[in-house]
Amino acid sequence: MKLKYFAWVRERIGKAEEIVEPPAEVRTVGELIGWLAARDDGYAHAFEKPAVIRAAIDHAHVKSDAVISGAREIAFFPPMTGG
């Protein structure tokens, strides 16, 4: 699946997007965040506060308990403020 990173999530990881194949036991957005955070220090820093990370699966905003099976694209971004 394709992962896309935005704003400071992208800056901390050091890339805008990548293709990953998480293990079968990673079933939800929250589990995916945990799996990514364990990859290296950049991911750990980007996902150090998973409660503030927002996610979208195939362009639809989802919560951390959303199932990732069948997702073509998952995007991660920090909370946004309007102005």
N, C-alpha and C. Protein backbone atom coordinates (compact mmCIF):
# COMPACT_ATOMS: atom_id res chain seq x y z
N MET A 1 0.84 -1.17 0.00
CA MET A 1 0.00 0.00 0.00
C MET A 1 0.88 1.23 0.00
N LYS A 2 0.34 2.30 -0.54
CA LYS A 2 1.08 3.56 -0.59
C LYS A 2 0.75 4.36 0.66
N LEU A 3 1.80 4.89 1.29
CA LEU A 3 1.64 5.79 2.42
C LEU A 3 2.10 7.17 2.00
N LYS A 4 1.34 8.19 2.39
CA LYS A 4 1.70 9.57 2.10
C LYS A 4 1.80 10.31 3.42
N TYR A 5 2.80 11.19 3.52
CA TYR A 5 3.05 11.95 4.74
C TYR A 5 3.00 13.44 4.42
N PHE A 6 2.39 14.21 5.33
CA PHE A 6 2.22 15.64 5.10
C PHE A 6 2.75 16.46 6.27
N ALA A 7 3.15 17.70 5.97
CA ALA A 7 3.59 18.70 6.94
C ALA A 7 4.74 18.16 7.80
N TRP A 8 4.67 18.36 9.11
CA TRP A 8 5.81 17.93 9.94
C TRP A 8 5.95 16.42 10.03
N VAL A 9 4.93 15.65 9.73
CA VAL A 9 5.09 14.19 9.68
C VAL A 9 6.10 13.86 8.57
N ARG A 10 5.92 14.46 7.42
CA ARG A 10 6.84 14.27 6.28
C ARG A 10 8.25 14.74 6.64
N GLU A 11 8.35 15.89 7.27
CA GLU A 11 9.67 16.43 7.62
C GLU A 11 10.42 15.52 8.58
N ARG A 12 9.72 14.95 9.55
CA ARG A 12 10.37 14.09 10.54
C ARG A 12 10.78 12.74 9.95
N ILE A 13 9.98 12.24 9.02
CA ILE A 13 10.30 10.95 8.39
C ILE A 13 11.34 11.13 7.29
N GLY A 14 11.27 12.27 6.60
CA GLY A 14 12.25 12.55 5.56
C GLY A 14 11.82 12.12 4.17
N LYS A 15 10.53 11.83 4.01
CA LYS A 15 10.01 11.48 2.68
C LYS A 15 8.53 11.81 2.62
N ALA A 16 8.05 12.05 1.41
CA ALA A 16 6.65 12.41 1.21
C ALA A 16 5.75 11.20 1.06
N GLU A 17 6.30 10.10 0.54
CA GLU A 17 5.49 8.90 0.35
C GLU A 17 6.39 7.68 0.20
N GLU A 18 5.78 6.53 0.35
CA GLU A 18 6.49 5.27 0.17
C GLU A 18 5.48 4.14 0.02
N ILE A 19 5.97 3.03 -0.48
CA ILE A 19 5.16 1.81 -0.59
C ILE A 19 5.63 0.87 0.52
N VAL A 20 4.69 0.34 1.29
CA VAL A 20 5.03 -0.59 2.38
C VAL A 20 4.12 -1.81 2.31
N GLU A 21 4.59 -2.87 2.92
CA GLU A 21 3.80 -4.09 3.09
C GLU A 21 3.87 -4.47 4.57
N PRO A 22 2.97 -3.92 5.39
CA PRO A 22 3.01 -4.24 6.81
C PRO A 22 2.67 -5.71 7.04
N PRO A 23 3.14 -6.26 8.15
CA PRO A 23 2.82 -7.66 8.46
C PRO A 23 1.32 -7.87 8.65
N ALA A 24 0.88 -9.09 8.51
CA ALA A 24 -0.54 -9.43 8.57
C ALA A 24 -1.19 -9.03 9.88
N GLU A 25 -0.44 -9.03 10.97
CA GLU A 25 -1.03 -8.68 12.27
C GLU A 25 -1.32 -7.18 12.42
N VAL A 26 -0.84 -6.37 11.49
CA VAL A 26 -1.14 -4.93 11.50
C VAL A 26 -2.45 -4.75 10.73
N ARG A 27 -3.53 -4.52 11.47
CA ARG A 27 -4.86 -4.50 10.86
C ARG A 27 -5.56 -3.14 10.86
N THR A 28 -5.12 -2.23 11.73
CA THR A 28 -5.80 -0.94 11.84
C THR A 28 -4.81 0.21 11.64
N VAL A 29 -5.35 1.39 11.48
CA VAL A 29 -4.50 2.58 11.35
C VAL A 29 -3.62 2.73 12.59
N GLY A 30 -4.18 2.54 13.77
CA GLY A 30 -3.40 2.66 15.00
C GLY A 30 -2.26 1.65 15.06
N GLU A 31 -2.53 0.42 14.65
CA GLU A 31 -1.48 -0.60 14.62
C GLU A 31 -0.42 -0.26 13.58
N LEU A 32 -0.85 0.32 12.46
CA LEU A 32 0.09 0.73 11.43
C LEU A 32 1.00 1.83 11.96
N ILE A 33 0.45 2.78 12.68
CA ILE A 33 1.26 3.84 13.28
C ILE A 33 2.29 3.23 14.23
N GLY A 34 1.86 2.29 15.06
CA GLY A 34 2.79 1.63 15.97
C GLY A 34 3.90 0.89 15.24
N TRP A 35 3.54 0.19 14.18
CA TRP A 35 4.52 -0.53 13.37
C TRP A 35 5.51 0.43 12.72
N LEU A 36 4.99 1.53 12.18
CA LEU A 36 5.87 2.52 11.57
C LEU A 36 6.80 3.14 12.60
N ALA A 37 6.27 3.47 13.77
CA ALA A 37 7.08 4.11 14.82
C ALA A 37 8.25 3.24 15.25
N ALA A 38 8.11 1.93 15.12
CA ALA A 38 9.17 1.02 15.51
C ALA A 38 10.26 0.87 14.44
N ARG A 39 10.06 1.45 13.27
CA ARG A 39 11.00 1.26 12.16
C ARG A 39 12.34 1.94 12.40
N ASP A 40 12.31 3.20 12.81
CA ASP A 40 13.56 3.92 13.12
C ASP A 40 13.24 5.22 13.86
N ASP A 41 14.27 5.96 14.19
CA ASP A 41 14.09 7.17 15.01
C ASP A 41 13.24 8.24 14.33
N GLY A 42 13.36 8.38 13.01
CA GLY A 42 12.56 9.37 12.29
C GLY A 42 11.07 9.07 12.39
N TYR A 43 10.70 7.82 12.18
CA TYR A 43 9.30 7.42 12.31
C TYR A 43 8.85 7.54 13.76
N ALA A 44 9.71 7.14 14.69
CA ALA A 44 9.37 7.23 16.11
C ALA A 44 9.08 8.68 16.49
N HIS A 45 9.89 9.61 15.98
CA HIS A 45 9.68 11.03 16.27
C HIS A 45 8.38 11.53 15.63
N ALA A 46 8.13 11.13 14.40
CA ALA A 46 6.92 11.57 13.69
C ALA A 46 5.64 11.08 14.37
N PHE A 47 5.70 9.87 14.92
CA PHE A 47 4.51 9.26 15.50
C PHE A 47 4.58 9.15 17.03
N GLU A 48 5.39 10.03 17.67
CA GLU A 48 5.55 9.96 19.12
C GLU A 48 4.27 10.27 19.88
N LYS A 49 3.37 11.01 19.29
CA LYS A 49 2.06 11.30 19.90
C LYS A 49 0.98 10.86 18.93
N PRO A 50 0.71 9.55 18.88
CA PRO A 50 -0.23 9.04 17.87
C PRO A 50 -1.63 9.64 17.97
N ALA A 51 -2.02 10.11 19.14
CA ALA A 51 -3.37 10.68 19.29
C ALA A 51 -3.57 11.96 18.48
N VAL A 52 -2.48 12.65 18.13
CA VAL A 52 -2.63 13.89 17.36
C VAL A 52 -2.54 13.67 15.86
N ILE A 53 -2.11 12.50 15.45
CA ILE A 53 -1.98 12.20 14.02
C ILE A 53 -3.35 11.93 13.41
N ARG A 54 -3.61 12.55 12.30
CA ARG A 54 -4.85 12.32 11.56
C ARG A 54 -4.52 11.40 10.39
N ALA A 55 -5.50 10.61 9.97
CA ALA A 55 -5.27 9.67 8.86
C ALA A 55 -6.46 9.69 7.90
N ALA A 56 -6.15 9.34 6.67
CA ALA A 56 -7.18 9.17 5.65
C ALA A 56 -6.86 7.91 4.87
N ILE A 57 -7.87 7.11 4.63
CA ILE A 57 -7.73 5.93 3.79
C ILE A 57 -8.46 6.21 2.48
N ASP A 58 -7.72 6.12 1.39
CA ASP A 58 -8.28 6.39 0.06
C ASP A 58 -9.11 7.67 0.05
N HIS A 59 -8.54 8.72 0.64
CA HIS A 59 -9.08 10.08 0.65
C HIS A 59 -10.27 10.30 1.59
N ALA A 60 -10.55 9.36 2.46
CA ALA A 60 -11.63 9.52 3.45
C ALA A 60 -11.02 9.52 4.85
N HIS A 61 -11.31 10.56 5.62
CA HIS A 61 -10.78 10.64 6.98
C HIS A 61 -11.29 9.47 7.82
N VAL A 62 -10.39 8.90 8.62
CA VAL A 62 -10.74 7.74 9.45
C VAL A 62 -10.15 7.90 10.84
N LYS A 63 -10.65 7.10 11.77
CA LYS A 63 -10.12 7.05 13.12
C LYS A 63 -9.06 5.96 13.21
N SER A 64 -8.37 5.91 14.34
CA SER A 64 -7.26 4.97 14.48
C SER A 64 -7.69 3.51 14.49
N ASP A 65 -8.97 3.25 14.74
CA ASP A 65 -9.43 1.85 14.75
C ASP A 65 -9.92 1.39 13.37
N ALA A 66 -9.77 2.23 12.36
CA ALA A 66 -10.19 1.87 11.00
C ALA A 66 -9.32 0.74 10.45
N VAL A 67 -9.94 -0.21 9.80
CA VAL A 67 -9.24 -1.36 9.22
C VAL A 67 -8.54 -0.93 7.94
N ILE A 68 -7.28 -1.35 7.78
CA ILE A 68 -6.49 -0.95 6.61
C ILE A 68 -6.54 -1.95 5.47
N SER A 69 -7.14 -3.11 5.69
CA SER A 69 -7.21 -4.13 4.65
C SER A 69 -7.89 -3.57 3.41
N GLY A 70 -7.26 -3.76 2.27
CA GLY A 70 -7.81 -3.30 1.00
C GLY A 70 -7.52 -1.85 0.67
N ALA A 71 -6.86 -1.13 1.58
CA ALA A 71 -6.54 0.28 1.32
C ALA A 71 -5.51 0.39 0.21
N ARG A 72 -5.73 1.31 -0.69
CA ARG A 72 -4.73 1.58 -1.73
C ARG A 72 -3.76 2.66 -1.25
N GLU A 73 -4.29 3.62 -0.49
CA GLU A 73 -3.46 4.74 -0.04
C GLU A 73 -3.89 5.16 1.36
N ILE A 74 -2.91 5.38 2.21
CA ILE A 74 -3.17 5.90 3.56
C ILE A 74 -2.31 7.13 3.73
N ALA A 75 -2.93 8.22 4.14
CA ALA A 75 -2.22 9.48 4.34
C ALA A 75 -2.21 9.82 5.82
N PHE A 76 -1.08 10.35 6.28
CA PHE A 76 -0.93 10.77 7.67
C PHE A 76 -0.57 12.26 7.70
N PHE A 77 -1.22 12.98 8.59
CA PHE A 77 -0.96 14.41 8.69
C PHE A 77 -1.28 14.89 10.10
N PRO A 78 -0.67 16.01 10.49
CA PRO A 78 -0.95 16.58 11.80
C PRO A 78 -2.29 17.29 11.78
N PRO A 79 -2.82 17.61 12.96
CA PRO A 79 -4.07 18.38 12.98
C PRO A 79 -3.88 19.72 12.28
N MET A 80 -4.90 20.14 11.59
CA MET A 80 -4.82 21.41 10.87
C MET A 80 -5.70 22.44 11.58
N THR A 81 -5.30 23.67 11.46
CA THR A 81 -6.11 24.76 12.00
C THR A 81 -6.52 25.67 10.87
N GLY A 82 -7.66 26.23 11.00
CA GLY A 82 -8.15 27.14 9.97
C GLY A 82 -7.83 28.57 10.34
N GLY A 83 -8.02 29.44 9.40
CA GLY A 83 -7.72 30.83 9.71
C GLY A 83 -8.25 31.77 8.69
